[in-house]
Amino acid sequence: MLMADTMSVFFVILGTLLAFSGLWLMCRGLWPDAVEATAQRCVKRIWPYFLAGIPLTLVMIVSTKVLFAIGPAGKITGVGVVCLYMLQAHAGVSGLATAIGRRLPSPLDERSPWRATLRGGIALELTYLLPILGWFVILPASIIIGTGAINVALLAKLRFQTTQQPSLAQTRGAVVHQTTD
């Protein structure tokens, strides 16, 4: 292997790891409530979210395979499906990284709470660098955990909102009673 080949592999891996950190910080900035809910869930336990993420990941893989077999339009749609899956999965991994970072506390966290995400993300990324274990176990497992955790958190929020909102009939009845009084 030439030095140029070695350097190209090194810089591709370095760029990917920097992109992961940036993506996790972006997710924390764009969807702070979802990332916080995911972080709170990942602090308690992660195995239920791994199990919840497996079916979603399998659905994405199967649907992508089917779309890729359709033709050029299917390939474009398949790439879109993978991108959407990875975006929502990494929103969950952002919560996982935040949970890891909070277990590595710093006095600067009170002024800059995003530092927990960065610190946990760096710790998680360093484990991705482990040969075999990091590449084929920790990286895919963290993506599956992120998928399960973010979707469980979003479903819990949706369930809470539907139980807290009054029905349309109750709202109309309240308006009718107010106008007749």
N, C-alpha and C. Protein backbone atom coordinates (compact mmCIF):
# COMPACT_ATOMS: atom_id res chain seq x y z
N MET A 1 0.85 -1.18 0.00
CA MET A 1 0.00 0.00 0.00
C MET A 1 0.89 1.24 0.00
N LEU A 2 0.61 2.12 -0.89
CA LEU A 2 1.40 3.35 -1.01
C LEU A 2 1.01 4.33 0.09
N MET A 3 1.88 5.28 0.31
CA MET A 3 1.61 6.32 1.31
C MET A 3 0.36 7.12 0.95
N ALA A 4 0.13 7.36 -0.34
CA ALA A 4 -1.05 8.11 -0.77
C ALA A 4 -2.33 7.33 -0.44
N ASP A 5 -2.29 6.01 -0.61
CA ASP A 5 -3.45 5.19 -0.27
C ASP A 5 -3.73 5.24 1.23
N THR A 6 -2.69 5.13 2.01
CA THR A 6 -2.82 5.20 3.46
C THR A 6 -3.40 6.53 3.90
N MET A 7 -2.87 7.61 3.33
CA MET A 7 -3.35 8.94 3.71
C MET A 7 -4.80 9.15 3.27
N SER A 8 -5.19 8.63 2.12
CA SER A 8 -6.58 8.81 1.68
C SER A 8 -7.54 8.07 2.60
N VAL A 9 -7.20 6.86 3.02
CA VAL A 9 -8.04 6.13 3.96
C VAL A 9 -8.11 6.88 5.29
N PHE A 10 -6.96 7.36 5.76
CA PHE A 10 -6.91 8.09 7.02
C PHE A 10 -7.82 9.32 6.98
N PHE A 11 -7.74 10.09 5.91
CA PHE A 11 -8.52 11.32 5.83
C PHE A 11 -10.01 11.05 5.60
N VAL A 12 -10.35 9.97 4.94
CA VAL A 12 -11.77 9.61 4.80
C VAL A 12 -12.35 9.25 6.17
N ILE A 13 -11.61 8.48 6.94
CA ILE A 13 -12.08 8.11 8.28
C ILE A 13 -12.15 9.33 9.18
N LEU A 14 -11.15 10.18 9.14
CA LEU A 14 -11.15 11.39 9.95
C LEU A 14 -12.32 12.30 9.58
N GLY A 15 -12.56 12.46 8.28
CA GLY A 15 -13.67 13.29 7.84
C GLY A 15 -15.02 12.72 8.26
N THR A 16 -15.16 11.41 8.20
CA THR A 16 -16.41 10.78 8.63
C THR A 16 -16.65 11.00 10.12
N LEU A 17 -15.61 10.86 10.92
CA LEU A 17 -15.76 11.06 12.36
C LEU A 17 -16.09 12.52 12.69
N LEU A 18 -15.47 13.45 11.99
CA LEU A 18 -15.81 14.86 12.19
C LEU A 18 -17.25 15.14 11.76
N ALA A 19 -17.67 14.51 10.69
CA ALA A 19 -19.05 14.69 10.22
C ALA A 19 -20.05 14.14 11.22
N PHE A 20 -19.73 13.01 11.86
CA PHE A 20 -20.62 12.47 12.88
C PHE A 20 -20.80 13.46 14.03
N SER A 21 -19.70 14.02 14.51
CA SER A 21 -19.79 15.00 15.60
C SER A 21 -20.63 16.19 15.18
N GLY A 22 -20.40 16.67 13.98
CA GLY A 22 -21.18 17.80 13.49
C GLY A 22 -22.65 17.47 13.35
N LEU A 23 -22.95 16.27 12.86
CA LEU A 23 -24.34 15.85 12.72
C LEU A 23 -25.03 15.74 14.07
N TRP A 24 -24.34 15.20 15.06
CA TRP A 24 -24.95 15.06 16.39
C TRP A 24 -25.18 16.42 17.03
N LEU A 25 -24.24 17.35 16.86
CA LEU A 25 -24.45 18.70 17.39
C LEU A 25 -25.57 19.42 16.65
N MET A 26 -25.67 19.20 15.34
CA MET A 26 -26.76 19.81 14.58
C MET A 26 -28.12 19.27 15.05
N CYS A 27 -28.20 17.97 15.26
CA CYS A 27 -29.45 17.38 15.75
C CYS A 27 -29.82 17.94 17.12
N ARG A 28 -28.82 18.11 17.97
CA ARG A 28 -29.10 18.69 19.29
C ARG A 28 -29.58 20.13 19.16
N GLY A 29 -29.05 20.87 18.21
CA GLY A 29 -29.47 22.25 18.01
C GLY A 29 -30.84 22.37 17.37
N LEU A 30 -31.15 21.48 16.42
CA LEU A 30 -32.42 21.56 15.71
C LEU A 30 -33.58 20.97 16.49
N TRP A 31 -33.35 19.84 17.14
CA TRP A 31 -34.41 19.15 17.85
C TRP A 31 -34.00 18.89 19.30
N PRO A 32 -33.85 19.95 20.10
CA PRO A 32 -33.35 19.77 21.46
C PRO A 32 -34.27 18.92 22.34
N ASP A 33 -35.58 19.05 22.17
CA ASP A 33 -36.50 18.28 23.01
C ASP A 33 -36.41 16.79 22.69
N ALA A 34 -36.34 16.45 21.42
CA ALA A 34 -36.26 15.04 21.03
C ALA A 34 -34.92 14.43 21.47
N VAL A 35 -33.85 15.18 21.31
CA VAL A 35 -32.53 14.67 21.73
C VAL A 35 -32.49 14.53 23.25
N GLU A 36 -33.07 15.48 23.97
CA GLU A 36 -33.10 15.40 25.43
C GLU A 36 -33.92 14.20 25.90
N ALA A 37 -35.07 13.98 25.26
CA ALA A 37 -35.89 12.81 25.62
C ALA A 37 -35.13 11.52 25.36
N THR A 38 -34.41 11.47 24.26
CA THR A 38 -33.61 10.30 23.93
C THR A 38 -32.47 10.12 24.92
N ALA A 39 -31.83 11.22 25.30
CA ALA A 39 -30.73 11.13 26.28
C ALA A 39 -31.24 10.61 27.62
N GLN A 40 -32.39 11.10 28.06
CA GLN A 40 -32.95 10.63 29.33
C GLN A 40 -33.28 9.15 29.27
N ARG A 41 -33.75 8.69 28.13
CA ARG A 41 -34.05 7.27 27.99
C ARG A 41 -32.77 6.43 27.96
N CYS A 42 -31.74 6.93 27.30
CA CYS A 42 -30.49 6.17 27.18
C CYS A 42 -29.71 6.13 28.49
N VAL A 43 -29.96 7.07 29.39
CA VAL A 43 -29.29 7.04 30.69
C VAL A 43 -29.75 5.83 31.49
N LYS A 44 -31.03 5.51 31.38
CA LYS A 44 -31.60 4.42 32.18
C LYS A 44 -31.18 3.05 31.66
N ARG A 45 -31.43 2.82 30.36
CA ARG A 45 -31.07 1.53 29.75
C ARG A 45 -31.08 1.69 28.23
N ILE A 46 -30.32 0.84 27.55
CA ILE A 46 -30.26 0.96 26.10
C ILE A 46 -30.76 -0.29 25.37
N TRP A 47 -30.80 -1.42 26.03
CA TRP A 47 -31.19 -2.66 25.35
C TRP A 47 -32.61 -2.65 24.80
N PRO A 48 -33.60 -2.10 25.51
CA PRO A 48 -34.94 -2.06 24.90
C PRO A 48 -34.97 -1.23 23.61
N TYR A 49 -34.14 -0.21 23.55
CA TYR A 49 -34.11 0.64 22.36
C TYR A 49 -33.36 -0.04 21.22
N PHE A 50 -32.39 -0.88 21.57
CA PHE A 50 -31.73 -1.69 20.55
C PHE A 50 -32.75 -2.65 19.94
N LEU A 51 -33.54 -3.29 20.79
CA LEU A 51 -34.55 -4.22 20.29
C LEU A 51 -35.65 -3.50 19.51
N ALA A 52 -35.99 -2.28 19.92
CA ALA A 52 -36.99 -1.50 19.18
C ALA A 52 -36.44 -1.01 17.85
N GLY A 53 -35.15 -0.82 17.75
CA GLY A 53 -34.54 -0.33 16.52
C GLY A 53 -34.30 -1.39 15.47
N ILE A 54 -34.23 -2.65 15.88
CA ILE A 54 -33.96 -3.73 14.92
C ILE A 54 -35.06 -3.83 13.85
N PRO A 55 -36.35 -3.87 14.21
CA PRO A 55 -37.36 -3.97 13.15
C PRO A 55 -37.36 -2.76 12.22
N LEU A 56 -37.15 -1.57 12.75
CA LEU A 56 -37.11 -0.38 11.91
C LEU A 56 -35.94 -0.43 10.94
N THR A 57 -34.82 -0.91 11.42
CA THR A 57 -33.64 -1.03 10.57
C THR A 57 -33.86 -2.08 9.48
N LEU A 58 -34.48 -3.20 9.85
CA LEU A 58 -34.76 -4.23 8.86
C LEU A 58 -35.75 -3.74 7.80
N VAL A 59 -36.76 -2.97 8.21
CA VAL A 59 -37.71 -2.40 7.26
C VAL A 59 -36.98 -1.48 6.29
N MET A 60 -36.06 -0.67 6.79
CA MET A 60 -35.30 0.23 5.94
C MET A 60 -34.44 -0.56 4.96
N ILE A 61 -33.79 -1.60 5.43
CA ILE A 61 -32.92 -2.39 4.55
C ILE A 61 -33.73 -3.08 3.46
N VAL A 62 -34.84 -3.70 3.83
CA VAL A 62 -35.67 -4.41 2.85
C VAL A 62 -36.28 -3.44 1.86
N SER A 63 -36.82 -2.32 2.35
CA SER A 63 -37.43 -1.36 1.42
C SER A 63 -36.38 -0.75 0.49
N THR A 64 -35.20 -0.53 0.97
CA THR A 64 -34.13 0.00 0.13
C THR A 64 -33.73 -1.02 -0.94
N LYS A 65 -33.64 -2.29 -0.56
CA LYS A 65 -33.31 -3.33 -1.54
C LYS A 65 -34.37 -3.40 -2.62
N VAL A 66 -35.64 -3.34 -2.22
CA VAL A 66 -36.73 -3.39 -3.20
C VAL A 66 -36.67 -2.16 -4.10
N LEU A 67 -36.47 -1.01 -3.54
CA LEU A 67 -36.40 0.22 -4.34
C LEU A 67 -35.22 0.21 -5.30
N PHE A 68 -34.08 -0.32 -4.87
CA PHE A 68 -32.92 -0.36 -5.74
C PHE A 68 -33.13 -1.31 -6.92
N ALA A 69 -33.98 -2.31 -6.76
CA ALA A 69 -34.25 -3.27 -7.83
C ALA A 69 -35.19 -2.70 -8.88
N ILE A 70 -35.90 -1.62 -8.57
CA ILE A 70 -36.88 -1.07 -9.50
C ILE A 70 -36.23 -0.40 -10.70
N GLY A 71 -35.18 0.34 -10.49
CA GLY A 71 -34.54 1.05 -11.58
C GLY A 71 -33.96 2.37 -11.10
N PRO A 72 -33.67 3.27 -12.02
CA PRO A 72 -33.05 4.54 -11.63
C PRO A 72 -33.90 5.37 -10.67
N ALA A 73 -35.20 5.46 -10.90
CA ALA A 73 -36.06 6.22 -9.99
C ALA A 73 -36.12 5.55 -8.61
N GLY A 74 -36.10 4.22 -8.61
CA GLY A 74 -36.09 3.49 -7.35
C GLY A 74 -34.79 3.67 -6.59
N LYS A 75 -33.69 3.78 -7.32
CA LYS A 75 -32.39 4.01 -6.67
C LYS A 75 -32.35 5.38 -6.01
N ILE A 76 -32.88 6.37 -6.69
CA ILE A 76 -32.92 7.71 -6.10
C ILE A 76 -33.80 7.71 -4.86
N THR A 77 -34.95 7.07 -4.95
CA THR A 77 -35.84 6.97 -3.79
C THR A 77 -35.20 6.16 -2.67
N GLY A 78 -34.48 5.10 -3.03
CA GLY A 78 -33.79 4.28 -2.02
C GLY A 78 -32.73 5.07 -1.28
N VAL A 79 -31.99 5.89 -2.01
CA VAL A 79 -30.99 6.75 -1.36
C VAL A 79 -31.69 7.72 -0.42
N GLY A 80 -32.83 8.25 -0.83
CA GLY A 80 -33.60 9.15 0.04
C GLY A 80 -34.08 8.45 1.30
N VAL A 81 -34.51 7.20 1.17
CA VAL A 81 -34.96 6.42 2.33
C VAL A 81 -33.79 6.22 3.30
N VAL A 82 -32.63 5.87 2.77
CA VAL A 82 -31.45 5.68 3.62
C VAL A 82 -31.07 6.99 4.31
N CYS A 83 -31.12 8.10 3.58
CA CYS A 83 -30.76 9.39 4.17
C CYS A 83 -31.73 9.77 5.29
N LEU A 84 -33.02 9.58 5.06
CA LEU A 84 -34.00 9.88 6.13
C LEU A 84 -33.81 8.98 7.34
N TYR A 85 -33.55 7.69 7.08
CA TYR A 85 -33.30 6.77 8.19
C TYR A 85 -32.07 7.21 8.99
N MET A 86 -30.99 7.54 8.28
CA MET A 86 -29.76 7.93 8.97
C MET A 86 -29.93 9.24 9.73
N LEU A 87 -30.72 10.17 9.20
CA LEU A 87 -30.95 11.43 9.90
C LEU A 87 -31.70 11.19 11.20
N GLN A 88 -32.77 10.40 11.16
CA GLN A 88 -33.50 10.15 12.40
C GLN A 88 -32.70 9.25 13.33
N ALA A 89 -31.93 8.33 12.78
CA ALA A 89 -31.11 7.47 13.64
C ALA A 89 -30.05 8.29 14.36
N HIS A 90 -29.42 9.22 13.66
CA HIS A 90 -28.37 10.01 14.29
C HIS A 90 -28.93 11.07 15.23
N ALA A 91 -30.20 11.43 15.07
CA ALA A 91 -30.83 12.26 16.11
C ALA A 91 -30.90 11.46 17.41
N GLY A 92 -31.17 10.17 17.30
CA GLY A 92 -31.15 9.31 18.48
C GLY A 92 -29.75 9.07 19.00
N VAL A 93 -28.79 8.90 18.10
CA VAL A 93 -27.40 8.71 18.53
C VAL A 93 -26.89 9.98 19.22
N SER A 94 -27.41 11.13 18.81
CA SER A 94 -27.06 12.38 19.50
C SER A 94 -27.49 12.32 20.96
N GLY A 95 -28.66 11.76 21.21
CA GLY A 95 -29.10 11.57 22.60
C GLY A 95 -28.22 10.58 23.34
N LEU A 96 -27.82 9.50 22.65
CA LEU A 96 -26.92 8.52 23.26
C LEU A 96 -25.58 9.16 23.59
N ALA A 97 -25.05 9.96 22.67
CA ALA A 97 -23.79 10.66 22.92
C ALA A 97 -23.93 11.65 24.07
N THR A 98 -25.08 12.32 24.16
CA THR A 98 -25.32 13.24 25.28
C THR A 98 -25.34 12.48 26.60
N ALA A 99 -25.99 11.32 26.61
CA ALA A 99 -26.03 10.50 27.84
C ALA A 99 -24.63 10.05 28.24
N ILE A 100 -23.82 9.67 27.27
CA ILE A 100 -22.44 9.26 27.57
C ILE A 100 -21.65 10.46 28.08
N GLY A 101 -21.81 11.61 27.44
CA GLY A 101 -21.08 12.81 27.85
C GLY A 101 -21.46 13.30 29.23
N ARG A 102 -22.71 13.11 29.63
CA ARG A 102 -23.13 13.51 30.99
C ARG A 102 -22.51 12.63 32.05
N ARG A 103 -22.13 11.43 31.68
CA ARG A 103 -21.45 10.55 32.63
C ARG A 103 -19.96 10.88 32.73
N LEU A 104 -19.50 11.78 31.88
CA LEU A 104 -18.14 12.30 31.91
C LEU A 104 -18.23 13.80 32.20
N PRO A 105 -18.62 14.19 33.42
CA PRO A 105 -18.99 15.58 33.68
C PRO A 105 -17.81 16.55 33.61
N SER A 106 -18.18 17.80 33.33
CA SER A 106 -17.22 18.89 33.29
C SER A 106 -17.88 20.12 33.92
N PRO A 107 -17.13 20.98 34.59
CA PRO A 107 -17.73 22.18 35.18
C PRO A 107 -18.25 23.16 34.13
N LEU A 108 -17.82 23.02 32.89
CA LEU A 108 -18.27 23.92 31.83
C LEU A 108 -19.66 23.57 31.29
N ASP A 109 -20.21 22.43 31.73
CA ASP A 109 -21.50 21.98 31.20
C ASP A 109 -22.64 22.91 31.57
N GLU A 110 -22.56 23.60 32.69
CA GLU A 110 -23.64 24.49 33.09
C GLU A 110 -23.78 25.65 32.12
N ARG A 111 -22.68 26.18 31.63
CA ARG A 111 -22.72 27.29 30.68
C ARG A 111 -22.92 26.82 29.25
N SER A 112 -22.42 25.65 28.92
CA SER A 112 -22.47 25.12 27.56
C SER A 112 -22.95 23.66 27.59
N PRO A 113 -24.26 23.43 27.64
CA PRO A 113 -24.73 22.04 27.76
C PRO A 113 -24.44 21.18 26.52
N TRP A 114 -24.16 21.80 25.40
CA TRP A 114 -23.83 21.04 24.19
C TRP A 114 -22.50 20.32 24.32
N ARG A 115 -21.67 20.73 25.27
CA ARG A 115 -20.36 20.09 25.45
C ARG A 115 -20.51 18.63 25.86
N ALA A 116 -21.60 18.30 26.55
CA ALA A 116 -21.82 16.89 26.91
C ALA A 116 -22.00 16.05 25.65
N THR A 117 -22.71 16.59 24.67
CA THR A 117 -22.89 15.87 23.40
C THR A 117 -21.57 15.71 22.69
N LEU A 118 -20.78 16.76 22.65
CA LEU A 118 -19.48 16.69 21.98
C LEU A 118 -18.55 15.71 22.68
N ARG A 119 -18.50 15.77 24.00
CA ARG A 119 -17.62 14.90 24.77
C ARG A 119 -18.04 13.43 24.63
N GLY A 120 -19.34 13.18 24.74
CA GLY A 120 -19.84 11.82 24.56
C GLY A 120 -19.66 11.33 23.13
N GLY A 121 -19.83 12.25 22.18
CA GLY A 121 -19.63 11.88 20.78
C GLY A 121 -18.20 11.50 20.49
N ILE A 122 -17.27 12.22 21.07
CA ILE A 122 -15.85 11.89 20.87
C ILE A 122 -15.53 10.53 21.49
N ALA A 123 -16.07 10.28 22.66
CA ALA A 123 -15.85 8.97 23.30
C ALA A 123 -16.45 7.85 22.45
N LEU A 124 -17.65 8.09 21.92
CA LEU A 124 -18.30 7.09 21.07
C LEU A 124 -17.52 6.88 19.78
N GLU A 125 -17.06 7.96 19.18
CA GLU A 125 -16.29 7.85 17.93
C GLU A 125 -14.96 7.14 18.14
N LEU A 126 -14.34 7.35 19.28
CA LEU A 126 -13.08 6.64 19.55
C LEU A 126 -13.31 5.14 19.64
N THR A 127 -14.47 4.73 20.14
CA THR A 127 -14.77 3.29 20.16
C THR A 127 -15.06 2.76 18.76
N TYR A 128 -15.56 3.62 17.87
CA TYR A 128 -15.76 3.20 16.48
C TYR A 128 -14.45 2.83 15.81
N LEU A 129 -13.35 3.39 16.27
CA LEU A 129 -12.04 3.13 15.66
C LEU A 129 -11.46 1.77 16.02
N LEU A 130 -12.03 1.10 17.01
CA LEU A 130 -11.53 -0.23 17.36
C LEU A 130 -11.71 -1.18 16.18
N PRO A 131 -10.65 -1.88 15.80
CA PRO A 131 -10.81 -2.83 14.69
C PRO A 131 -11.82 -3.92 15.04
N ILE A 132 -12.59 -4.31 14.10
CA ILE A 132 -13.62 -5.34 14.14
C ILE A 132 -14.74 -4.98 15.12
N LEU A 133 -14.46 -4.89 16.41
CA LEU A 133 -15.49 -4.59 17.41
C LEU A 133 -16.13 -3.23 17.15
N GLY A 134 -15.34 -2.23 16.92
CA GLY A 134 -15.88 -0.90 16.69
C GLY A 134 -16.58 -0.76 15.35
N TRP A 135 -16.00 -1.38 14.31
CA TRP A 135 -16.54 -1.24 12.96
C TRP A 135 -17.84 -2.01 12.78
N PHE A 136 -17.86 -3.25 13.28
CA PHE A 136 -18.97 -4.14 12.96
C PHE A 136 -19.93 -4.40 14.12
N VAL A 137 -19.62 -3.91 15.30
CA VAL A 137 -20.52 -4.12 16.44
C VAL A 137 -20.98 -2.79 17.02
N ILE A 138 -20.06 -1.95 17.46
CA ILE A 138 -20.43 -0.73 18.17
C ILE A 138 -21.09 0.29 17.24
N LEU A 139 -20.53 0.52 16.07
CA LEU A 139 -21.11 1.49 15.13
C LEU A 139 -22.53 1.10 14.72
N PRO A 140 -22.77 -0.12 14.21
CA PRO A 140 -24.15 -0.46 13.85
C PRO A 140 -25.07 -0.52 15.07
N ALA A 141 -24.56 -1.00 16.20
CA ALA A 141 -25.41 -1.07 17.41
C ALA A 141 -25.82 0.32 17.86
N SER A 142 -24.91 1.28 17.79
CA SER A 142 -25.28 2.63 18.23
C SER A 142 -26.31 3.24 17.29
N ILE A 143 -26.23 2.95 16.00
CA ILE A 143 -27.22 3.46 15.05
C ILE A 143 -28.58 2.81 15.30
N ILE A 144 -28.59 1.52 15.58
CA ILE A 144 -29.84 0.82 15.88
C ILE A 144 -30.42 1.32 17.19
N ILE A 145 -29.59 1.53 18.20
CA ILE A 145 -30.06 2.09 19.48
C ILE A 145 -30.63 3.48 19.27
N GLY A 146 -29.95 4.30 18.48
CA GLY A 146 -30.44 5.64 18.20
C GLY A 146 -31.79 5.62 17.51
N THR A 147 -31.96 4.71 16.54
CA THR A 147 -33.24 4.58 15.85
C THR A 147 -34.35 4.19 16.81
N GLY A 148 -34.09 3.19 17.62
CA GLY A 148 -35.11 2.75 18.57
C GLY A 148 -35.43 3.81 19.61
N ALA A 149 -34.43 4.46 20.15
CA ALA A 149 -34.65 5.45 21.21
C ALA A 149 -35.40 6.68 20.69
N ILE A 150 -35.03 7.19 19.53
CA ILE A 150 -35.70 8.39 19.03
C ILE A 150 -37.14 8.07 18.65
N ASN A 151 -37.39 6.90 18.08
CA ASN A 151 -38.76 6.56 17.71
C ASN A 151 -39.64 6.26 18.92
N VAL A 152 -39.08 5.63 19.94
CA VAL A 152 -39.85 5.42 21.17
C VAL A 152 -40.14 6.76 21.84
N ALA A 153 -39.18 7.66 21.87
CA ALA A 153 -39.39 8.98 22.46
C ALA A 153 -40.45 9.77 21.69
N LEU A 154 -40.40 9.72 20.37
CA LEU A 154 -41.39 10.43 19.56
C LEU A 154 -42.78 9.82 19.71
N LEU A 155 -42.86 8.48 19.78
CA LEU A 155 -44.15 7.85 19.99
C LEU A 155 -44.72 8.17 21.37
N ALA A 156 -43.87 8.23 22.39
CA ALA A 156 -44.34 8.59 23.72
C ALA A 156 -44.85 10.02 23.74
N LYS A 157 -44.16 10.92 23.04
CA LYS A 157 -44.61 12.32 22.97
C LYS A 157 -45.93 12.42 22.22
N LEU A 158 -46.06 11.68 21.12
CA LEU A 158 -47.30 11.68 20.35
C LEU A 158 -48.45 11.12 21.18
N ARG A 159 -48.20 10.04 21.90
CA ARG A 159 -49.23 9.44 22.76
C ARG A 159 -49.64 10.42 23.86
N PHE A 160 -48.67 11.12 24.44
CA PHE A 160 -48.98 12.10 25.48
C PHE A 160 -49.82 13.24 24.93
N GLN A 161 -49.48 13.71 23.75
CA GLN A 161 -50.22 14.83 23.16
C GLN A 161 -51.64 14.42 22.80
N THR A 162 -51.85 13.21 22.33
CA THR A 162 -53.20 12.79 21.96
C THR A 162 -54.06 12.55 23.19
N THR A 163 -53.47 12.15 24.30
CA THR A 163 -54.27 11.96 25.51
C THR A 163 -54.54 13.28 26.22
N GLN A 164 -53.70 14.29 26.02
CA GLN A 164 -53.87 15.57 26.70
C GLN A 164 -54.78 16.54 25.94
N GLN A 165 -54.94 16.37 24.63
CA GLN A 165 -55.77 17.29 23.87
C GLN A 165 -57.22 16.89 23.99
N PRO A 166 -58.11 17.86 24.23
CA PRO A 166 -59.52 17.53 24.26
C PRO A 166 -60.01 17.20 22.86
N SER A 167 -61.04 16.37 22.80
CA SER A 167 -61.56 16.01 21.49
C SER A 167 -62.26 17.21 20.86
N LEU A 168 -62.50 17.12 19.57
CA LEU A 168 -63.14 18.21 18.83
C LEU A 168 -64.55 18.44 19.34
N ALA A 169 -65.27 17.37 19.69
CA ALA A 169 -66.63 17.51 20.21
C ALA A 169 -66.63 18.23 21.55
N GLN A 170 -65.66 17.94 22.41
CA GLN A 170 -65.59 18.62 23.70
C GLN A 170 -65.27 20.10 23.51
N THR A 171 -64.41 20.41 22.55
CA THR A 171 -64.05 21.80 22.29
C THR A 171 -65.25 22.56 21.75
N ARG A 172 -66.01 21.97 20.82
CA ARG A 172 -67.19 22.63 20.27
C ARG A 172 -68.25 22.81 21.34
N GLY A 173 -68.38 21.81 22.21
CA GLY A 173 -69.36 21.93 23.29
C GLY A 173 -69.01 23.07 24.22
N ALA A 174 -67.73 23.26 24.49
CA ALA A 174 -67.31 24.35 25.37
C ALA A 174 -67.59 25.69 24.72
N VAL A 175 -67.41 25.79 23.40
CA VAL A 175 -67.67 27.03 22.71
C VAL A 175 -69.17 27.33 22.71
N VAL A 176 -70.00 26.30 22.52
CA VAL A 176 -71.46 26.50 22.51
C VAL A 176 -71.93 26.96 23.88
N HIS A 177 -71.39 26.36 24.97
CA HIS A 177 -71.81 26.74 26.32
C HIS A 177 -71.36 28.16 26.64
N GLN A 178 -70.22 28.58 26.13
CA GLN A 178 -69.76 29.94 26.41
C GLN A 178 -70.62 30.96 25.70
N THR A 179 -71.08 30.68 24.50
CA THR A 179 -71.87 31.66 23.75
C THR A 179 -73.29 31.75 24.25
N THR A 180 -73.83 30.68 24.86
CA THR A 180 -75.21 30.72 25.35
C THR A 180 -75.32 31.34 26.72
N ASP A 181 -74.23 31.41 27.45
CA ASP A 181 -74.29 31.96 28.81
C ASP A 181 -74.41 33.42 28.83
